[in-house]
C-alpha cells in the first residue's frame, strides 16, 4: 500500500458509498444471516480495495523500520483502556473454551489486520486527493472531510454491527465512556502511525491487543453469532 498514493474521483465516490451504505448493510445482513457474511464482506472490502486501489496491503515483514513514538503511545493507550475494560467486563457463564480459542486465533487476528485498511482508505481518499493542485484551504477542507468520514464510518460500523454481538464490556457502566474514548483515540492514532512509517504492522499490534485480552477475562466466543 503506497504512502504516496494519489486517489482519484473514483476513490472519493467509493469511500463515500462505503461510509453511507456499508454499516447499514452490515446491520441488515446480521439480523438476517448472522455476523459471518457481513464480516467476510467487510474484510474482503478492506483487503480488496487496498490492493486494487493502492497497490498493496501495507504489511511488510522485511527490513522493518523502527516503530514511531506514536506507536508506543497507541500501545500505552490500549493497555490503559484494557485496564478499564476489565472492570466493566461482561463475563460469560460456562464459556465454550474451544470457541474462545478459535475467536482468539482467527477473529482477533483477522479483525486487527483488516479493519484499519478500510479506515485508512476512507481517510486517505480525501486527505491525499490532488494534494499537488489544491491550495491550503482546499487541502484543509479535504482533510477535515476525510476525518469526518473516518469518524462516521468507525462509529456507525460499531453501533450498527459490532455492538450487536461483540459483548465484552458494558458501555453503559460508569467507566464505559472511558473505554469508548480510549478506543476512539486509538483509531485516530492509527492514522498518525501509518503516516509516520507506512507499516500496517504497527497498527495491527495495538488493535490485536484490544481484540485479544478481553477474551481471557470474559470467556467470549464469536462462534454462536456467526450464523442465525
Protein backbone atom coordinates (compact mmCIF):
# COMPACT_ATOMS: atom_id res chain seq x y z
CA UNK A 1 0.00 0.00 0.00
CA UNK A 2 1.65 3.20 -1.16
CA UNK A 3 2.03 6.22 1.11
CA UNK A 4 2.45 8.46 -1.93
CA UNK A 5 -0.78 7.13 -3.40
CA UNK A 6 -2.79 9.57 -5.50
CA UNK A 7 -6.52 8.90 -5.16
CA UNK A 8 -8.95 9.85 -7.91
CA UNK A 9 -12.61 10.77 -8.04
CA UNK A 10 -13.38 7.05 -8.09
CA UNK A 11 -11.90 6.77 -4.60
CA UNK A 12 -13.93 9.73 -3.35
CA UNK A 13 -17.10 8.07 -4.60
CA UNK A 14 -16.18 4.60 -3.32
CA UNK A 15 -15.20 5.84 0.12
CA UNK A 16 -18.37 7.92 0.44
CA UNK A 17 -20.54 4.97 -0.60
CA UNK A 18 -18.79 2.72 1.91
CA UNK A 19 -19.39 5.19 4.74
CA UNK A 20 -23.05 5.74 3.87
CA UNK A 21 -24.05 2.22 2.86
CA UNK A 22 -21.90 -0.49 4.39
CA UNK A 23 -22.69 -0.06 8.12
CA UNK A 24 -26.41 -0.13 7.34
CA UNK A 25 -25.95 -3.15 5.09
CA UNK A 26 -23.85 -4.96 7.71
CA UNK A 27 -26.52 -4.43 10.36
CA UNK A 28 -29.24 -5.55 7.96
CA UNK A 29 -27.39 -8.72 6.98
CA UNK A 30 -26.51 -9.53 10.59
CA UNK A 31 -30.18 -9.53 11.55
CA UNK A 32 -30.97 -11.98 8.76
CA UNK A 33 -27.91 -14.17 8.32
CA UNK A 34 -25.69 -13.67 11.36
CA UNK A 35 -22.32 -12.00 11.71
CA UNK A 36 -20.31 -14.11 9.26
CA UNK A 37 -21.49 -12.79 5.89
CA UNK A 38 -21.07 -9.07 6.67
CA UNK A 39 -17.75 -9.87 8.34
CA UNK A 40 -16.42 -11.62 5.24
CA UNK A 41 -17.67 -8.72 3.12
CA UNK A 42 -16.05 -6.20 5.45
CA UNK A 43 -12.62 -7.82 5.44
CA UNK A 44 -12.78 -8.58 1.72
CA UNK A 45 -13.62 -4.96 1.02
CA UNK A 46 -10.71 -3.79 3.17
CA UNK A 47 -8.11 -6.02 1.53
CA UNK A 48 -9.61 -5.80 -1.94
CA UNK A 49 -9.71 -2.01 -2.07
CA UNK A 50 -6.22 -1.69 -0.60
CA UNK A 51 -4.72 -3.98 -3.19
CA UNK A 52 -6.83 -2.76 -6.11
CA UNK A 53 -6.75 0.96 -5.47
CA UNK A 54 -3.49 1.36 -3.54
CA UNK A 55 -1.35 -1.43 -4.94
CA UNK A 56 -0.79 -3.39 -1.74
CA UNK A 57 -1.79 -4.07 1.84
CA UNK A 58 0.88 -2.06 3.62
CA UNK A 59 2.17 -5.11 5.52
CA UNK A 60 5.91 -5.57 5.08
CA UNK A 61 7.89 -8.10 7.07
CA UNK A 62 11.37 -7.46 5.73
CA UNK A 63 13.61 -4.61 6.82
CA UNK A 64 11.01 -3.12 9.13
CA UNK A 65 11.85 0.41 10.25
CA UNK A 66 11.74 1.07 13.99
CA UNK A 67 8.26 1.94 15.28
CA UNK A 68 7.42 5.64 15.61
CA UNK A 69 6.79 7.21 19.00
CA UNK A 70 3.09 7.33 18.16
CA UNK A 71 3.07 3.52 18.06
CA UNK A 72 4.20 3.33 21.69
CA UNK A 73 1.65 5.97 22.64
CA UNK A 74 -1.05 3.90 20.97
CA UNK A 75 0.04 0.70 22.72
CA UNK A 76 0.11 2.53 26.06
CA UNK A 77 -3.35 3.94 25.41
CA UNK A 78 -4.70 0.48 24.58
CA UNK A 79 -3.15 -1.04 27.71
CA UNK A 80 -4.75 1.68 29.85
CA UNK A 81 -8.07 1.13 28.07
CA UNK A 82 -7.82 -2.62 28.68
CA UNK A 83 -7.34 -1.99 32.39
CA UNK A 84 -10.59 -0.04 32.48
CA UNK A 85 -12.32 -2.66 30.34
CA UNK A 86 -11.51 -5.34 32.91
CA UNK A 87 -13.64 -3.57 35.49
CA UNK A 88 -16.63 -3.33 33.16
CA UNK A 89 -16.26 -6.77 31.62
CA UNK A 90 -19.23 -8.94 30.71
CA UNK A 91 -18.42 -12.45 31.90
CA UNK A 92 -19.84 -15.43 30.04
CA UNK A 93 -21.26 -18.18 32.25
CA UNK A 94 -19.85 -21.59 31.33
CA UNK A 95 -17.74 -20.35 28.41
CA UNK A 96 -17.12 -22.60 25.41
CA UNK A 97 -13.33 -22.81 25.63
CA UNK A 98 -12.82 -24.08 22.08
CA UNK A 99 -14.88 -21.14 20.84
CA UNK A 100 -12.83 -18.67 22.86
CA UNK A 101 -9.61 -20.12 21.45
CA UNK A 102 -10.97 -20.00 17.89
CA UNK A 103 -12.04 -16.40 18.43
CA UNK A 104 -8.55 -15.51 19.65
CA UNK A 105 -6.67 -17.33 16.90
CA UNK A 106 -8.88 -16.45 13.94
CA UNK A 107 -11.15 -13.46 14.56
CA UNK A 108 -8.75 -11.39 16.69
CA UNK A 109 -6.06 -11.71 14.03
CA UNK A 110 -8.35 -11.20 11.04
CA UNK A 111 -10.05 -8.18 12.55
CA UNK A 112 -6.91 -6.45 13.77
CA UNK A 113 -5.19 -6.91 10.42
CA UNK A 114 -8.13 -5.81 8.27
CA UNK A 115 -10.22 -3.01 9.74
CA UNK A 116 -7.60 -0.28 9.57
CA UNK A 117 -7.05 -0.98 5.87
CA UNK A 118 -10.55 0.24 5.13
CA UNK A 119 -10.47 3.06 7.68
CA UNK A 120 -7.25 4.44 6.22
CA UNK A 121 -8.53 4.04 2.68
CA UNK A 122 -11.51 6.22 3.56
CA UNK A 123 -9.38 8.92 5.16
CA UNK A 124 -6.58 8.91 2.60
CA UNK A 125 -9.01 9.04 -0.33
CA UNK A 126 -9.89 12.56 0.78
CA UNK A 127 -6.75 13.73 2.53
CA UNK A 128 -4.44 12.80 -0.36
CA UNK A 129 -6.74 13.91 -3.18
CA UNK A 130 -4.95 16.28 -5.58
CA UNK A 131 -2.50 17.43 -2.91
CA UNK A 132 -0.23 18.97 -5.55
CA UNK A 133 -3.01 21.04 -7.14
CA UNK A 134 -5.25 22.15 -4.29
CA UNK A 135 -4.50 25.23 -2.21
CA UNK A 136 -4.00 25.16 1.55
CA UNK A 137 -7.63 25.98 2.31
CA UNK A 138 -8.96 23.29 -0.02
CA UNK A 139 -6.48 20.73 1.30
CA UNK A 140 -7.51 21.55 4.86
CA UNK A 141 -11.17 21.13 3.90
CA UNK A 142 -10.42 17.76 2.29
CA UNK A 143 -8.57 16.61 5.41
CA UNK A 144 -11.49 17.61 7.62
CA UNK A 145 -13.85 15.77 5.26
CA UNK A 146 -11.64 12.69 5.48
CA UNK A 147 -11.57 12.82 9.26
CA UNK A 148 -15.34 13.25 9.43
CA UNK A 149 -15.97 10.31 7.11
CA UNK A 150 -13.41 8.23 9.00
CA UNK A 151 -15.17 9.06 12.28
CA UNK A 152 -18.65 8.43 10.92
CA UNK A 153 -17.69 5.07 9.48
CA UNK A 154 -15.87 3.82 12.58
CA UNK A 155 -18.75 4.96 14.77
CA UNK A 156 -21.55 3.54 12.64
CA UNK A 157 -19.91 0.19 11.87
CA UNK A 158 -19.53 -0.34 15.60
CA UNK A 159 -23.00 0.78 16.62
CA UNK A 160 -24.88 -0.84 13.73
CA UNK A 161 -22.88 -4.05 13.55
CA UNK A 162 -20.20 -4.89 16.13
CA UNK A 163 -22.15 -3.73 19.18
CA UNK A 164 -24.98 -6.13 18.33
CA UNK A 165 -22.92 -9.19 19.23
CA UNK A 166 -19.42 -8.24 20.43
CA UNK A 167 -20.26 -8.26 24.13
CA UNK A 168 -17.07 -7.99 26.16
CA UNK A 169 -17.64 -4.71 28.04
CA UNK A 170 -20.66 -2.88 29.39
CA UNK A 171 -20.62 0.53 27.64
CA UNK A 172 -23.42 1.82 29.86
CA UNK A 173 -21.40 1.47 33.06
CA UNK A 174 -19.69 4.43 34.72
CA UNK A 175 -16.37 3.54 33.07
CA UNK A 176 -17.96 2.88 29.69
CA UNK A 177 -17.25 6.38 28.29
CA UNK A 178 -13.57 5.99 29.16
CA UNK A 179 -13.41 2.76 27.17
CA UNK A 180 -15.14 4.39 24.20
CA UNK A 181 -12.86 7.44 24.31
CA UNK A 182 -9.75 5.26 24.58
CA UNK A 183 -10.64 3.09 21.61
CA UNK A 184 -11.69 6.13 19.58
CA UNK A 185 -8.39 7.92 20.19
CA UNK A 186 -6.55 4.74 19.26
CA UNK A 187 -8.37 4.76 15.92
CA UNK A 188 -7.05 8.24 15.13
CA UNK A 189 -3.56 7.24 16.21
CA UNK A 190 -3.61 4.56 13.51
CA UNK A 191 -3.57 7.42 11.00
CA UNK A 192 -0.54 9.01 12.65
CA UNK A 193 1.35 5.71 12.92
CA UNK A 194 0.67 4.86 9.28
CA UNK A 195 1.76 8.28 8.05
CA UNK A 196 4.97 8.13 10.08
CA UNK A 197 6.29 4.76 8.90
CA UNK A 198 3.97 3.31 6.27
CA UNK A 199 3.85 -0.04 8.08
CA UNK A 200 0.44 -1.54 8.81
CA UNK A 201 2.04 -3.97 11.26
CA UNK A 202 2.33 -1.08 13.72
CA UNK A 203 -1.41 -0.50 13.55
CA UNK A 204 -2.12 -4.24 13.84
CA UNK A 205 -0.35 -4.74 17.17
CA UNK A 206 -2.41 -2.38 19.40
CA UNK A 207 -5.63 -3.43 17.69
CA UNK A 208 -4.77 -7.10 18.23
CA UNK A 209 -4.14 -6.48 21.93
CA UNK A 210 -7.54 -4.80 22.19
CA UNK A 211 -9.23 -7.75 20.49
CA UNK A 212 -7.35 -10.48 22.32
CA UNK A 213 -7.09 -9.72 26.03
CA UNK A 214 -10.80 -9.22 26.83
CA UNK A 215 -11.39 -12.79 25.65
CA UNK A 216 -9.29 -14.07 28.54
CA UNK A 217 -11.33 -12.45 31.29
CA UNK A 218 -14.77 -12.64 29.69
CA UNK A 219 -14.82 -16.07 28.07
CA UNK A 220 -16.42 -14.54 24.99
CA UNK A 221 -16.77 -16.61 21.82
CA UNK A 222 -17.88 -15.19 18.50
CA UNK A 223 -18.97 -18.58 17.14
CA UNK A 224 -22.63 -18.51 18.32
CA UNK A 225 -23.20 -15.23 16.45
CA UNK A 226 -21.77 -16.17 13.08
CA UNK A 227 -24.89 -17.83 11.68
CA UNK A 228 -28.55 -17.37 12.57
